[in-house]
Amino acid sequence: MEKQKIDKALLNVKEVRAYLGLGDTKTRELLNSPKSTFTVRIGNRLYANKKMLDKWIDQQSKKQHNIKL
């Protein structure tokens, strides 16, 4: 699958799945998690704030590798 550049502020489940390279179940788990700081609910639909998602990814990477900047 070809990666597409995504310049939207909010990503839907399908776009988050492609962006992170995860399956549908794990993507929905992340978006439904009460600890998620990047999830935006509009009605009963789930979206991810892309800037907050990128920040969360950076935080998770630093935790995993115990990097102090």
PDB file of N, CA and C in Angstrom:
ATOM      1  N   MET A   1       0.842  -1.181   0.000  1.00  0.00           N
ATOM      2  CA  MET A   1       0.000   0.000   0.000  1.00  0.00           C
ATOM      3  C   MET A   1       0.885   1.242   0.000  1.00  0.00           C
ATOM      4  N   GLU A   2       0.575   2.176  -0.845  1.00  0.00           N
ATOM      5  CA  GLU A   2       1.348   3.406  -0.968  1.00  0.00           C
ATOM      6  C   GLU A   2       0.975   4.371   0.143  1.00  0.00           C
ATOM      7  N   LYS A   3       1.991   4.931   0.812  1.00  0.00           N
ATOM      8  CA  LYS A   3       1.728   5.907   1.872  1.00  0.00           C
ATOM      9  C   LYS A   3       1.364   7.242   1.247  1.00  0.00           C
ATOM     10  N   GLN A   4       0.352   7.867   1.817  1.00  0.00           N
ATOM     11  CA  GLN A   4      -0.076   9.165   1.341  1.00  0.00           C
ATOM     12  C   GLN A   4       0.265  10.198   2.390  1.00  0.00           C
ATOM     13  N   LYS A   5       0.624  11.388   1.940  1.00  0.00           N
ATOM     14  CA  LYS A   5       0.874  12.479   2.873  1.00  0.00           C
ATOM     15  C   LYS A   5      -0.472  13.000   3.348  1.00  0.00           C
ATOM     16  N   ILE A   6      -0.630  13.068   4.666  1.00  0.00           N
ATOM     17  CA  ILE A   6      -1.893  13.507   5.239  1.00  0.00           C
ATOM     18  C   ILE A   6      -1.685  14.854   5.906  1.00  0.00           C
ATOM     19  N   ASP A   7      -2.405  15.882   5.427  1.00  0.00           N
ATOM     20  CA  ASP A   7      -2.258  17.235   5.947  1.00  0.00           C
ATOM     21  C   ASP A   7      -3.502  17.735   6.665  1.00  0.00           C
ATOM     22  N   LYS A   8      -4.352  16.819   7.086  1.00  0.00           N
ATOM     23  CA  LYS A   8      -5.588  17.204   7.758  1.00  0.00           C
ATOM     24  C   LYS A   8      -5.342  17.333   9.255  1.00  0.00           C
ATOM     25  N   ALA A   9      -6.151  18.138   9.925  1.00  0.00           N
ATOM     26  CA  ALA A   9      -6.030  18.308  11.380  1.00  0.00           C
ATOM     27  C   ALA A   9      -6.593  17.095  12.110  1.00  0.00           C
ATOM     28  N   LEU A  10      -7.693  16.535  11.607  1.00  0.00           N
ATOM     29  CA  LEU A  10      -8.318  15.363  12.220  1.00  0.00           C
ATOM     30  C   LEU A  10      -8.244  14.188  11.258  1.00  0.00           C
ATOM     31  N   LEU A  11      -7.841  13.039  11.790  1.00  0.00           N
ATOM     32  CA  LEU A  11      -7.751  11.822  10.995  1.00  0.00           C
ATOM     33  C   LEU A  11      -8.850  10.865  11.438  1.00  0.00           C
ATOM     34  N   ASN A  12      -9.529  10.242  10.478  1.00  0.00           N
ATOM     35  CA  ASN A  12     -10.533   9.248  10.843  1.00  0.00           C
ATOM     36  C   ASN A  12      -9.846   7.915  11.139  1.00  0.00           C
ATOM     37  N   VAL A  13     -10.608   6.918  11.526  1.00  0.00           N
ATOM     38  CA  VAL A  13     -10.033   5.624  11.931  1.00  0.00           C
ATOM     39  C   VAL A  13      -9.201   5.024  10.806  1.00  0.00           C
ATOM     40  N   LYS A  14      -9.714   5.067   9.601  1.00  0.00           N
ATOM     41  CA  LYS A  14      -9.004   4.487   8.456  1.00  0.00           C
ATOM     42  C   LYS A  14      -7.671   5.204   8.228  1.00  0.00           C
ATOM     43  N   GLU A  15      -7.664   6.525   8.350  1.00  0.00           N
ATOM     44  CA  GLU A  15      -6.439   7.306   8.148  1.00  0.00           C
ATOM     45  C   GLU A  15      -5.436   7.071   9.278  1.00  0.00           C
ATOM     46  N   VAL A  16      -5.926   6.964  10.514  1.00  0.00           N
ATOM     47  CA  VAL A  16      -5.030   6.664  11.645  1.00  0.00           C
ATOM     48  C   VAL A  16      -4.404   5.292  11.446  1.00  0.00           C
ATOM     49  N   ARG A  17      -5.222   4.334  11.036  1.00  0.00           N
ATOM     50  CA  ARG A  17      -4.742   2.970  10.794  1.00  0.00           C
ATOM     51  C   ARG A  17      -3.621   2.981   9.761  1.00  0.00           C
ATOM     52  N   ALA A  18      -3.801   3.704   8.661  1.00  0.00           N
ATOM     53  CA  ALA A  18      -2.774   3.781   7.620  1.00  0.00           C
ATOM     54  C   ALA A  18      -1.549   4.547   8.117  1.00  0.00           C
ATOM     55  N   TYR A  19      -1.771   5.629   8.848  1.00  0.00           N
ATOM     56  CA  TYR A  19      -0.691   6.487   9.353  1.00  0.00           C
ATOM     57  C   TYR A  19       0.214   5.727  10.314  1.00  0.00           C
ATOM     58  N   LEU A  20      -0.403   4.912  11.191  1.00  0.00           N
ATOM     59  CA  LEU A  20       0.372   4.176  12.191  1.00  0.00           C
ATOM     60  C   LEU A  20       0.769   2.776  11.734  1.00  0.00           C
ATOM     61  N   GLY A  21       0.145   2.299  10.680  1.00  0.00           N
ATOM     62  CA  GLY A  21       0.448   0.951  10.197  1.00  0.00           C
ATOM     63  C   GLY A  21      -0.107  -0.123  11.113  1.00  0.00           C
ATOM     64  N   LEU A  22      -1.245   0.150  11.734  1.00  0.00           N
ATOM     65  CA  LEU A  22      -1.870  -0.791  12.658  1.00  0.00           C
ATOM     66  C   LEU A  22      -3.126  -1.384  12.032  1.00  0.00           C
ATOM     67  N   GLY A  23      -3.638  -2.410  12.678  1.00  0.00           N
ATOM     68  CA  GLY A  23      -4.903  -2.991  12.253  1.00  0.00           C
ATOM     69  C   GLY A  23      -6.072  -2.191  12.812  1.00  0.00           C
ATOM     70  N   ASP A  24      -7.259  -2.533  12.345  1.00  0.00           N
ATOM     71  CA  ASP A  24      -8.464  -1.820  12.752  1.00  0.00           C
ATOM     72  C   ASP A  24      -8.733  -1.959  14.252  1.00  0.00           C
ATOM     73  N   THR A  25      -8.581  -3.159  14.790  1.00  0.00           N
ATOM     74  CA  THR A  25      -8.876  -3.397  16.210  1.00  0.00           C
ATOM     75  C   THR A  25      -7.958  -2.577  17.112  1.00  0.00           C
ATOM     76  N   LYS A  26      -6.658  -2.615  16.864  1.00  0.00           N
ATOM     77  CA  LYS A  26      -5.705  -1.885  17.701  1.00  0.00           C
ATOM     78  C   LYS A  26      -5.900  -0.371  17.560  1.00  0.00           C
ATOM     79  N   THR A  27      -6.213   0.092  16.356  1.00  0.00           N
ATOM     80  CA  THR A  27      -6.467   1.514  16.136  1.00  0.00           C
ATOM     81  C   THR A  27      -7.661   1.970  16.962  1.00  0.00           C
ATOM     82  N   ARG A  28      -8.733   1.191  16.928  1.00  0.00           N
ATOM     83  CA  ARG A  28      -9.931   1.539  17.702  1.00  0.00           C
ATOM     84  C   ARG A  28      -9.668   1.454  19.210  1.00  0.00           C
ATOM     85  N   GLU A  29      -8.850   0.500  19.636  1.00  0.00           N
ATOM     86  CA  GLU A  29      -8.464   0.413  21.058  1.00  0.00           C
ATOM     87  C   GLU A  29      -7.764   1.698  21.487  1.00  0.00           C
ATOM     88  N   LEU A  30      -6.822   2.155  20.690  1.00  0.00           N
ATOM     89  CA  LEU A  30      -6.098   3.390  21.017  1.00  0.00           C
ATOM     90  C   LEU A  30      -7.035   4.586  21.083  1.00  0.00           C
ATOM     91  N   LEU A  31      -7.913   4.704  20.103  1.00  0.00           N
ATOM     92  CA  LEU A  31      -8.820   5.848  20.059  1.00  0.00           C
ATOM     93  C   LEU A  31      -9.862   5.798  21.175  1.00  0.00           C
ATOM     94  N   ASN A  32     -10.251   4.601  21.597  1.00  0.00           N
ATOM     95  CA  ASN A  32     -11.254   4.455  22.660  1.00  0.00           C
ATOM     96  C   ASN A  32     -10.660   4.503  24.063  1.00  0.00           C
ATOM     97  N   SER A  33      -9.350   4.460  24.164  1.00  0.00           N
ATOM     98  CA  SER A  33      -8.700   4.436  25.472  1.00  0.00           C
ATOM     99  C   SER A  33      -8.984   5.722  26.254  1.00  0.00           C
ATOM    100  N   PRO A  34      -9.362   5.584  27.538  1.00  0.00           N
ATOM    101  CA  PRO A  34      -9.587   6.781  28.353  1.00  0.00           C
ATOM    102  C   PRO A  34      -8.313   7.614  28.541  1.00  0.00           C
ATOM    103  N   LYS A  35      -7.149   7.003  28.346  1.00  0.00           N
ATOM    104  CA  LYS A  35      -5.879   7.711  28.500  1.00  0.00           C
ATOM    105  C   LYS A  35      -5.468   8.460  27.234  1.00  0.00           C
ATOM    106  N   SER A  36      -6.210   8.262  26.162  1.00  0.00           N
ATOM    107  CA  SER A  36      -5.877   8.903  24.894  1.00  0.00           C
ATOM    108  C   SER A  36      -6.039  10.419  24.987  1.00  0.00           C
ATOM    109  N   THR A  37      -4.970  11.126  24.676  1.00  0.00           N
ATOM    110  CA  THR A  37      -5.005  12.592  24.699  1.00  0.00           C
ATOM    111  C   THR A  37      -5.274  13.165  23.319  1.00  0.00           C
ATOM    112  N   PHE A  38      -5.336  12.301  22.308  1.00  0.00           N
ATOM    113  CA  PHE A  38      -5.466  12.763  20.931  1.00  0.00           C
ATOM    114  C   PHE A  38      -6.824  12.453  20.305  1.00  0.00           C
ATOM    115  N   THR A  39      -7.699  11.745  21.019  1.00  0.00           N
ATOM    116  CA  THR A  39      -8.994  11.363  20.464  1.00  0.00           C
ATOM    117  C   THR A  39      -9.993  12.507  20.506  1.00  0.00           C
ATOM    118  N   VAL A  40     -10.697  12.690  19.397  1.00  0.00           N
ATOM    119  CA  VAL A  40     -11.768  13.669  19.293  1.00  0.00           C
ATOM    120  C   VAL A  40     -13.015  12.892  18.873  1.00  0.00           C
ATOM    121  N   ARG A  41     -14.078  13.055  19.644  1.00  0.00           N
ATOM    122  CA  ARG A  41     -15.352  12.415  19.304  1.00  0.00           C
ATOM    123  C   ARG A  41     -16.282  13.467  18.720  1.00  0.00           C
ATOM    124  N   ILE A  42     -16.837  13.138  17.580  1.00  0.00           N
ATOM    125  CA  ILE A  42     -17.860  13.985  16.970  1.00  0.00           C
ATOM    126  C   ILE A  42     -19.046  13.055  16.721  1.00  0.00           C
ATOM    127  N   GLY A  43     -20.081  13.240  17.518  1.00  0.00           N
ATOM    128  CA  GLY A  43     -21.190  12.291  17.497  1.00  0.00           C
ATOM    129  C   GLY A  43     -20.668  10.969  18.023  1.00  0.00           C
ATOM    130  N   ASN A  44     -20.884   9.899  17.280  1.00  0.00           N
ATOM    131  CA  ASN A  44     -20.342   8.612  17.706  1.00  0.00           C
ATOM    132  C   ASN A  44     -19.139   8.202  16.860  1.00  0.00           C
ATOM    133  N   ARG A  45     -18.577   9.160  16.146  1.00  0.00           N
ATOM    134  CA  ARG A  45     -17.390   8.891  15.331  1.00  0.00           C
ATOM    135  C   ARG A  45     -16.119   9.276  16.075  1.00  0.00           C
ATOM    136  N   LEU A  46     -15.061   8.528  15.809  1.00  0.00           N
ATOM    137  CA  LEU A  46     -13.771   8.763  16.438  1.00  0.00           C
ATOM    138  C   LEU A  46     -12.798   9.363  15.433  1.00  0.00           C
ATOM    139  N   TYR A  47     -12.065  10.356  15.891  1.00  0.00           N
ATOM    140  CA  TYR A  47     -11.019  10.986  15.089  1.00  0.00           C
ATOM    141  C   TYR A  47      -9.794  11.176  15.971  1.00  0.00           C
ATOM    142  N   ALA A  48      -8.641  11.349  15.347  1.00  0.00           N
ATOM    143  CA  ALA A  48      -7.423  11.674  16.084  1.00  0.00           C
ATOM    144  C   ALA A  48      -6.946  13.046  15.643  1.00  0.00           C
ATOM    145  N   ASN A  49      -6.638  13.896  16.620  1.00  0.00           N
ATOM    146  CA  ASN A  49      -6.003  15.178  16.341  1.00  0.00           C
ATOM    147  C   ASN A  49      -4.564  14.852  15.942  1.00  0.00           C
ATOM    148  N   LYS A  50      -4.195  15.155  14.708  1.00  0.00           N
ATOM    149  CA  LYS A  50      -2.897  14.726  14.187  1.00  0.00           C
ATOM    150  C   LYS A  50      -1.721  15.305  14.971  1.00  0.00           C
ATOM    151  N   LYS A  51      -1.790  16.574  15.350  1.00  0.00           N
ATOM    152  CA  LYS A  51      -0.685  17.172  16.117  1.00  0.00           C
ATOM    153  C   LYS A  51      -0.533  16.491  17.472  1.00  0.00           C
ATOM    154  N   MET A  52      -1.660  16.235  18.132  1.00  0.00           N
ATOM    155  CA  MET A  52      -1.614  15.567  19.440  1.00  0.00           C
ATOM    156  C   MET A  52      -1.154  14.115  19.296  1.00  0.00           C
ATOM    157  N   LEU A  53      -1.559  13.455  18.209  1.00  0.00           N
ATOM    158  CA  LEU A  53      -1.125  12.080  17.948  1.00  0.00           C
ATOM    159  C   LEU A  53       0.383  12.033  17.742  1.00  0.00           C
ATOM    160  N   ASP A  54       0.916  12.971  16.969  1.00  0.00           N
ATOM    161  CA  ASP A  54       2.364  13.022  16.748  1.00  0.00           C
ATOM    162  C   ASP A  54       3.113  13.270  18.060  1.00  0.00           C
ATOM    163  N   LYS A  55       2.576  14.139  18.894  1.00  0.00           N
ATOM    164  CA  LYS A  55       3.180  14.419  20.196  1.00  0.00           C
ATOM    165  C   LYS A  55       3.162  13.152  21.064  1.00  0.00           C
ATOM    166  N   TRP A  56       2.050  12.433  21.057  1.00  0.00           N
ATOM    167  CA  TRP A  56       1.921  11.189  21.826  1.00  0.00           C
ATOM    168  C   TRP A  56       2.936  10.151  21.333  1.00  0.00           C
ATOM    169  N   ILE A  57       3.109  10.052  20.009  1.00  0.00           N
ATOM    170  CA  ILE A  57       4.084   9.108  19.446  1.00  0.00           C
ATOM    171  C   ILE A  57       5.484   9.455  19.935  1.00  0.00           C
ATOM    172  N   ASP A  58       5.837  10.742  19.923  1.00  0.00           N
ATOM    173  CA  ASP A  58       7.154  11.165  20.422  1.00  0.00           C
ATOM    174  C   ASP A  58       7.332  10.796  21.893  1.00  0.00           C
ATOM    175  N   GLN A  59       6.298  11.028  22.698  1.00  0.00           N
ATOM    176  CA  GLN A  59       6.362  10.698  24.127  1.00  0.00           C
ATOM    177  C   GLN A  59       6.538   9.195  24.331  1.00  0.00           C
ATOM    178  N   GLN A  60       5.810   8.395  23.570  1.00  0.00           N
ATOM    179  CA  GLN A  60       5.908   6.944  23.694  1.00  0.00           C
ATOM    180  C   GLN A  60       7.291   6.457  23.281  1.00  0.00           C
ATOM    181  N   SER A  61       7.849   7.059  22.243  1.00  0.00           N
ATOM    182  CA  SER A  61       9.185   6.686  21.780  1.00  0.00           C
ATOM    183  C   SER A  61      10.227   7.000  22.843  1.00  0.00           C
ATOM    184  N   LYS A  62      10.103   8.157  23.483  1.00  0.00           N
ATOM    185  CA  LYS A  62      11.060   8.540  24.523  1.00  0.00           C
ATOM    186  C   LYS A  62      10.940   7.622  25.727  1.00  0.00           C
ATOM    187  N   LYS A  63       9.714   7.237  26.092  1.00  0.00           N
ATOM    188  CA  LYS A  63       9.513   6.303  27.207  1.00  0.00           C
ATOM    189  C   LYS A  63      10.149   4.958  26.903  1.00  0.00           C
ATOM    190  N   GLN A  64       9.938   4.471  25.672  1.00  0.00           N
ATOM    191  CA  GLN A  64      10.454   3.169  25.271  1.00  0.00           C
ATOM    192  C   GLN A  64      11.974   3.123  25.290  1.00  0.00           C
ATOM    193  N   HIS A  65      12.585   4.222  24.891  1.00  0.00           N
ATOM    194  CA  HIS A  65      14.036   4.255  24.772  1.00  0.00           C
ATOM    195  C   HIS A  65      14.709   5.006  25.918  1.00  0.00           C
ATOM    196  N   ASN A  66      13.886   5.496  26.843  1.00  0.00           N
ATOM    197  CA  ASN A  66      14.386   6.209  28.021  1.00  0.00           C
ATOM    198  C   ASN A  66      15.370   7.313  27.631  1.00  0.00           C
ATOM    199  N   ILE A  67      14.963   8.110  26.656  1.00  0.00           N
ATOM    200  CA  ILE A  67      15.804   9.195  26.139  1.00  0.00           C
ATOM    201  C   ILE A  67      15.472  10.472  26.882  1.00  0.00           C
ATOM    202  N   LYS A  68      16.486  11.137  27.364  1.00  0.00           N
ATOM    203  CA  LYS A  68      16.314  12.454  28.012  1.00  0.00           C
ATOM    204  C   LYS A  68      16.935  13.494  27.109  1.00  0.00           C
ATOM    205  N   LEU A  69      16.140  14.462  26.711  1.00  0.00           N
ATOM    206  CA  LEU A  69      16.677  15.550  25.877  1.00  0.00           C
ATOM    207  C   LEU A  69      16.916  16.774  26.706  1.00  0.00           C
TER     208      LEU A  69
END
